[in-house]
């Protein structure tokens, strides 16, 4: 969805009903038909999730500013939230003078990993260029692009500036990304992204924290799995608190020297358009969309 031409085409096709559009996109991605009424695979269930599931709590979770209040309510305080420097309605409201030398700018309605600007040296910053760039991200309407209903909540397209996170133990300056797949509020799988800037690896662990050395998606897995943080149990506990009440939610954290920082909540990872190896893993993930729970929300 990141290609601007593709985005324009999808916006022009808004008149096509969601169910039909999702079937067309699924066939385009996988060259197989989408059984929207009887999904089995995880990638199929995520299309059903877009078309059918309407939990109003999802709406503020997709807004990068509103989700902070959601996390605070679920946890009881702000201990897992990254430092927020500013929230602005316009790029002209950003007070660059008061910002530290390093920071991150995001638009609150961003999705798919887009709409993030990292400043590592404010002294060399081209402020006008940054303003133009950030303005170009706003009002993309991801709910129309991928028929991802939950993004209807990210309507304000505000700008937030947060603390820049880095892990000195990683030579490329990246931070490890911990993503917890939770079904019906229960943690089932973890995946970790490591070395995004130099030697990107992605690995999967099951709910018993056993490394799945034969499972991967679109990135190579680890030759040797990294040691999990000592407070991984705390991360799981917080992930389940944030995922409670949703059929499915991916809860993301960073963990730097034992400091857990909330990243985001995602309901449609990669839009549901990723191929897994082995193919059976797609079915395995899909099995956690339990029939009884889904029927209550269909």
Protein backbone atom coordinates (compact mmCIF):
# COMPACT_ATOMS: atom_id res chain seq x y z
CA UNK A 1 0.00 0.00 0.00
CA UNK A 2 3.00 2.31 0.17
CA UNK A 3 3.15 2.97 -3.58
CA UNK A 4 1.55 6.37 -4.22
CA UNK A 5 0.11 5.27 -7.59
CA UNK A 6 -1.49 2.22 -5.98
CA UNK A 7 -2.93 4.44 -3.27
CA UNK A 8 -4.53 6.73 -5.84
CA UNK A 9 -6.03 3.77 -7.69
CA UNK A 10 -7.50 2.33 -4.49
CA UNK A 11 -9.00 5.68 -3.53
CA UNK A 12 -10.66 5.85 -6.95
CA UNK A 13 -12.23 2.44 -6.30
CA UNK A 14 -13.96 3.43 -3.07
CA UNK A 15 -17.34 2.77 -4.69
CA UNK A 16 -16.66 -0.99 -4.78
CA UNK A 17 -18.21 -2.76 -1.72
CA UNK A 18 -15.72 -3.86 0.93
CA UNK A 19 -16.33 -7.58 0.52
CA UNK A 20 -15.79 -7.54 -3.22
CA UNK A 21 -12.74 -5.28 -2.98
CA UNK A 22 -11.13 -7.49 -0.36
CA UNK A 23 -11.69 -10.53 -2.58
CA UNK A 24 -10.06 -8.75 -5.51
CA UNK A 25 -7.06 -7.64 -3.45
CA UNK A 26 -6.64 -11.09 -1.91
CA UNK A 27 -6.67 -12.76 -5.33
CA UNK A 28 -4.18 -10.20 -6.62
CA UNK A 29 -1.80 -10.89 -3.72
CA UNK A 30 -2.11 -14.69 -3.44
CA UNK A 31 -3.63 -15.85 -6.76
CA UNK A 32 -6.33 -17.74 -4.89
CA UNK A 33 -9.94 -17.00 -4.01
CA UNK A 34 -10.94 -15.57 -0.63
CA UNK A 35 -13.64 -17.60 1.19
CA UNK A 36 -14.91 -14.61 3.13
CA UNK A 37 -17.89 -16.49 4.58
CA UNK A 38 -15.82 -19.47 5.70
CA UNK A 39 -12.25 -18.32 6.34
CA UNK A 40 -9.68 -20.83 7.57
CA UNK A 41 -6.26 -19.30 7.04
CA UNK A 42 -5.01 -16.42 9.17
CA UNK A 43 -4.65 -14.28 6.04
CA UNK A 44 -8.29 -15.06 5.22
CA UNK A 45 -9.50 -14.31 8.73
CA UNK A 46 -7.86 -10.88 8.66
CA UNK A 47 -9.96 -10.01 5.59
CA UNK A 48 -13.06 -11.13 7.49
CA UNK A 49 -11.85 -8.99 10.40
CA UNK A 50 -11.75 -5.92 8.16
CA UNK A 51 -15.15 -6.58 6.64
CA UNK A 52 -17.13 -7.78 9.66
CA UNK A 53 -15.66 -6.86 13.03
CA UNK A 54 -16.80 -3.52 14.45
CA UNK A 55 -15.50 -2.93 17.96
CA UNK A 56 -15.62 0.82 18.71
CA UNK A 57 -12.59 0.53 21.01
CA UNK A 58 -10.49 -0.16 17.92
CA UNK A 59 -11.09 3.36 16.65
CA UNK A 60 -8.92 5.16 19.16
CA UNK A 61 -6.28 2.42 19.13
CA UNK A 62 -5.35 3.25 15.53
CA UNK A 63 -4.78 6.93 16.36
CA UNK A 64 -1.22 7.35 17.57
CA UNK A 65 -2.22 10.04 20.06
CA UNK A 66 -5.57 8.68 21.28
CA UNK A 67 -4.05 5.25 21.88
CA UNK A 68 -1.92 6.74 24.65
CA UNK A 69 -5.06 7.36 26.70
CA UNK A 70 -6.25 3.82 25.95
CA UNK A 71 -2.97 2.37 27.25
CA UNK A 72 -3.10 4.59 30.33
CA UNK A 73 -6.64 3.41 31.11
CA UNK A 74 -5.81 -0.28 30.69
CA UNK A 75 -2.53 -0.17 32.63
CA UNK A 76 -3.45 2.49 35.19
CA UNK A 77 -0.53 4.83 34.52
CA UNK A 78 1.91 6.01 31.83
CA UNK A 79 4.92 3.86 32.73
CA UNK A 80 5.04 2.13 29.33
CA UNK A 81 4.43 5.20 27.17
CA UNK A 82 7.23 6.94 25.30
CA UNK A 83 7.94 10.56 26.25
CA UNK A 84 5.68 12.94 24.31
CA UNK A 85 7.25 16.31 23.53
CA UNK A 86 4.52 17.98 21.47
CA UNK A 87 1.16 17.33 19.81
CA UNK A 88 0.19 19.76 17.03
CA UNK A 89 -2.68 20.37 14.66
CA UNK A 90 -0.41 21.91 12.01
CA UNK A 91 3.25 21.67 11.00
CA UNK A 92 3.42 25.40 11.65
CA UNK A 93 2.62 24.73 15.30
CA UNK A 94 5.74 22.59 15.80
CA UNK A 95 8.15 24.38 18.11
CA UNK A 96 11.48 23.10 16.79
CA UNK A 97 13.38 25.42 19.12
CA UNK A 98 12.12 23.59 22.22
CA UNK A 99 12.83 20.10 20.87
CA UNK A 100 15.97 18.19 21.88
CA UNK A 101 18.67 17.35 19.36
CA UNK A 102 17.06 14.00 18.56
CA UNK A 103 13.35 13.23 18.22
CA UNK A 104 10.74 11.43 16.11
CA UNK A 105 7.83 13.04 14.27
CA UNK A 106 4.70 11.04 13.41
CA UNK A 107 1.26 11.80 12.07
CA UNK A 108 -1.48 10.32 14.22
CA UNK A 109 -3.30 8.74 11.26
CA UNK A 110 -0.29 6.92 9.82
CA UNK A 111 -0.31 3.22 9.03
CA UNK A 112 1.74 0.41 7.50
CA UNK A 113 4.92 1.79 9.07
CA UNK A 114 4.59 5.04 7.11
CA UNK A 115 4.58 8.62 8.36
CA UNK A 116 7.61 8.57 10.64
CA UNK A 117 10.49 11.06 10.48
CA UNK A 118 13.57 10.44 12.63
CA UNK A 119 15.80 13.37 13.50
CA UNK A 120 19.23 12.42 14.85
CA UNK A 121 20.78 15.88 14.62
CA UNK A 122 18.58 18.95 14.86
CA UNK A 123 21.46 21.27 13.97
CA UNK A 124 21.52 19.91 10.41
CA UNK A 125 17.76 19.78 10.01
CA UNK A 126 16.06 21.37 7.01
CA UNK A 127 12.93 22.54 8.82
CA UNK A 128 10.99 23.58 5.72
CA UNK A 129 11.68 20.24 4.06
CA UNK A 130 10.42 18.42 7.15
CA UNK A 131 7.25 20.50 7.19
CA UNK A 132 6.55 19.68 3.54
CA UNK A 133 7.23 16.00 4.12
CA UNK A 134 4.99 15.73 7.18
CA UNK A 135 2.20 17.63 5.42
CA UNK A 136 2.35 15.15 2.52
CA UNK A 137 1.58 12.29 4.91
CA UNK A 138 -1.64 13.64 6.31
CA UNK A 139 -5.20 12.55 5.50
CA UNK A 140 -4.23 9.38 3.60
CA UNK A 141 -7.45 7.61 4.64
CA UNK A 142 -6.04 4.15 5.23
CA UNK A 143 -9.54 2.90 5.95
CA UNK A 144 -10.30 3.38 2.24
CA UNK A 145 -6.97 2.14 0.89
CA UNK A 146 -7.03 -1.27 2.51
CA UNK A 147 -10.66 -1.36 3.66
CA UNK A 148 -9.28 -1.37 7.21
CA UNK A 149 -12.30 -0.20 9.19
CA UNK A 150 -10.44 0.53 12.43
CA UNK A 151 -8.60 3.43 10.78
CA UNK A 152 -11.88 5.34 10.70
CA UNK A 153 -10.88 6.41 14.20
CA UNK A 154 -7.71 8.15 13.04
CA UNK A 155 -9.52 11.14 11.58
CA UNK A 156 -7.75 14.14 13.09
CA UNK A 157 -4.37 13.72 11.36
CA UNK A 158 -2.49 15.53 14.07
CA UNK A 159 1.27 15.55 14.55
CA UNK A 160 3.08 14.12 17.55
CA UNK A 161 6.76 14.45 18.45
CA UNK A 162 8.24 11.81 20.72
CA UNK A 163 11.57 10.87 22.26
CA UNK A 164 13.99 9.15 19.89
CA UNK A 165 14.71 5.62 21.10
CA UNK A 166 18.00 3.85 20.48
CA UNK A 167 19.67 0.74 21.82
CA UNK A 168 23.43 1.18 22.31
CA UNK A 169 23.87 -2.59 22.34
CA UNK A 170 22.89 -2.78 18.64
CA UNK A 171 25.70 -1.74 16.32
CA UNK A 172 23.36 -0.34 13.65
CA UNK A 173 21.50 1.86 16.14
CA UNK A 174 18.22 0.00 15.65
CA UNK A 175 15.92 -1.11 18.44
CA UNK A 176 14.49 -4.60 18.70
CA UNK A 177 10.76 -4.74 18.04
CA UNK A 178 8.67 -7.23 20.03
CA UNK A 179 5.27 -8.04 18.54
CA UNK A 180 2.79 -10.12 20.51
CA UNK A 181 -0.03 -11.82 18.59
CA UNK A 182 -3.02 -12.06 20.93
CA UNK A 183 -6.26 -13.88 20.15
CA UNK A 184 -9.30 -13.25 22.38
CA UNK A 185 -7.00 -11.45 24.79
CA UNK A 186 -4.59 -14.41 25.07
CA UNK A 187 -0.96 -14.28 23.93
CA UNK A 188 -0.25 -17.02 21.38
CA UNK A 189 2.82 -16.02 19.35
CA UNK A 190 5.68 -13.57 19.53
CA UNK A 191 7.73 -12.30 16.67
CA UNK A 192 10.84 -10.18 16.98
CA UNK A 193 12.36 -7.87 14.38
CA UNK A 194 16.05 -7.20 14.88
CA UNK A 195 18.67 -5.27 12.89
CA UNK A 196 16.31 -3.25 10.71
CA UNK A 197 19.07 -1.01 9.37
CA UNK A 198 21.76 -3.55 8.52
CA UNK A 199 20.95 -7.27 8.81
CA UNK A 200 17.21 -7.52 9.30
CA UNK A 201 16.08 -10.79 10.88
CA UNK A 202 12.62 -11.85 12.00
CA UNK A 203 11.85 -14.79 14.24
CA UNK A 204 8.74 -16.40 15.72
CA UNK A 205 8.20 -17.93 19.17
CA UNK A 206 5.14 -19.84 20.37
CA UNK A 207 3.16 -19.17 23.57
CA UNK A 208 5.62 -21.33 25.52
CA UNK A 209 8.42 -19.06 24.25
CA UNK A 210 9.87 -21.84 22.14
CA UNK A 211 11.72 -20.51 19.11
CA UNK A 212 10.20 -21.71 15.82
CA UNK A 213 13.31 -22.11 13.69
CA UNK A 214 11.37 -23.37 10.65
CA UNK A 215 8.86 -20.49 10.46
CA UNK A 216 9.40 -17.19 8.69
CA UNK A 217 7.57 -14.67 6.56
CA UNK A 218 9.23 -12.19 4.21
CA UNK A 219 12.55 -11.86 6.06
CA UNK A 220 15.22 -14.43 6.95
CA UNK A 221 14.97 -15.84 10.44
CA UNK A 222 17.74 -16.02 13.05
CA UNK A 223 20.58 -18.52 12.75
CA UNK A 224 20.76 -18.39 16.53
CA UNK A 225 17.73 -16.94 18.34
CA UNK A 226 18.43 -13.91 20.53
CA UNK A 227 18.07 -14.24 24.27
CA UNK A 228 14.65 -13.02 25.33
CA UNK A 229 14.51 -10.15 27.86
CA UNK A 230 14.42 -11.13 31.52
CA UNK A 231 11.09 -9.32 31.87
CA UNK A 232 9.40 -11.04 28.92
CA UNK A 233 6.67 -12.22 31.33
CA UNK A 234 5.82 -8.63 32.14
CA UNK A 235 5.59 -7.82 28.44
CA UNK A 236 3.17 -10.70 27.92
CA UNK A 237 1.04 -9.58 30.87
CA UNK A 238 0.78 -6.03 29.55
CA UNK A 239 0.10 -7.24 25.99
CA UNK A 240 -2.83 -9.33 27.21
CA UNK A 241 -4.26 -6.41 29.16
CA UNK A 242 -4.16 -4.22 26.04
CA UNK A 243 -5.57 -6.97 23.79
CA UNK A 244 -8.45 -7.93 26.08
CA UNK A 245 -11.82 -7.60 24.38
CA UNK A 246 -10.55 -7.95 20.80
CA UNK A 247 -10.80 -11.09 18.68
CA UNK A 248 -7.27 -10.35 17.52
CA UNK A 249 -4.70 -7.67 18.23
CA UNK A 250 -0.96 -7.37 17.72
CA UNK A 251 0.63 -5.48 20.58
CA UNK A 252 4.10 -4.01 19.92
CA UNK A 253 6.77 -3.06 22.44
CA UNK A 254 10.40 -2.03 22.56
CA UNK A 255 12.61 -3.26 25.38
CA UNK A 256 15.87 -1.40 25.93
CA UNK A 257 17.95 -2.57 28.88
CA UNK A 258 14.81 -3.77 30.62
CA UNK A 259 12.81 -0.61 29.94
CA UNK A 260 9.56 -1.61 28.21
CA UNK A 261 8.09 1.01 25.89
CA UNK A 262 4.74 0.67 24.10
CA UNK A 263 4.92 0.87 20.32
CA UNK A 264 1.47 0.41 18.81
CA UNK A 265 -1.62 -1.76 18.50
CA UNK A 266 -2.26 -3.27 15.09
CA UNK A 267 -5.36 -5.16 14.04
CA UNK A 268 -4.48 -5.97 10.42
CA UNK A 269 -0.72 -6.74 10.24
CA UNK A 270 0.53 -6.16 6.69
CA UNK A 271 -3.11 -6.01 5.66
CA UNK A 272 -3.22 -9.79 5.91
CA UNK A 273 -1.19 -10.15 2.71
CA UNK A 274 1.96 -11.97 3.83
CA UNK A 275 3.05 -15.43 2.75
CA UNK A 276 4.30 -17.69 5.53
CA UNK A 277 6.76 -20.53 5.31
CA UNK A 278 5.69 -23.23 5.83
CA UNK A 279 2.26 -22.58 4.36
CA UNK A 280 0.74 -24.59 7.20
CA UNK A 281 1.62 -21.76 9.60
CA UNK A 282 -1.06 -19.63 7.91
CA UNK A 283 -3.61 -22.28 8.92
CA UNK A 284 -2.13 -22.63 12.40
CA UNK A 285 -2.53 -18.91 13.09
CA UNK A 286 -6.03 -18.99 11.64
CA UNK A 287 -7.08 -21.74 14.06
CA UNK A 288 -7.04 -19.25 16.94
CA UNK A 289 -10.02 -17.39 15.50
CA UNK A 290 -12.33 -19.67 17.50
CA UNK A 291 -15.75 -20.29 15.97
CA UNK A 292 -17.76 -19.59 19.12
CA UNK A 293 -16.14 -16.20 19.76
CA UNK A 294 -16.33 -15.15 16.13
CA UNK A 295 -20.04 -16.05 15.87
CA UNK A 296 -20.77 -13.66 18.74
CA UNK A 297 -19.24 -10.84 16.71
CA UNK A 298 -20.35 -11.75 13.18
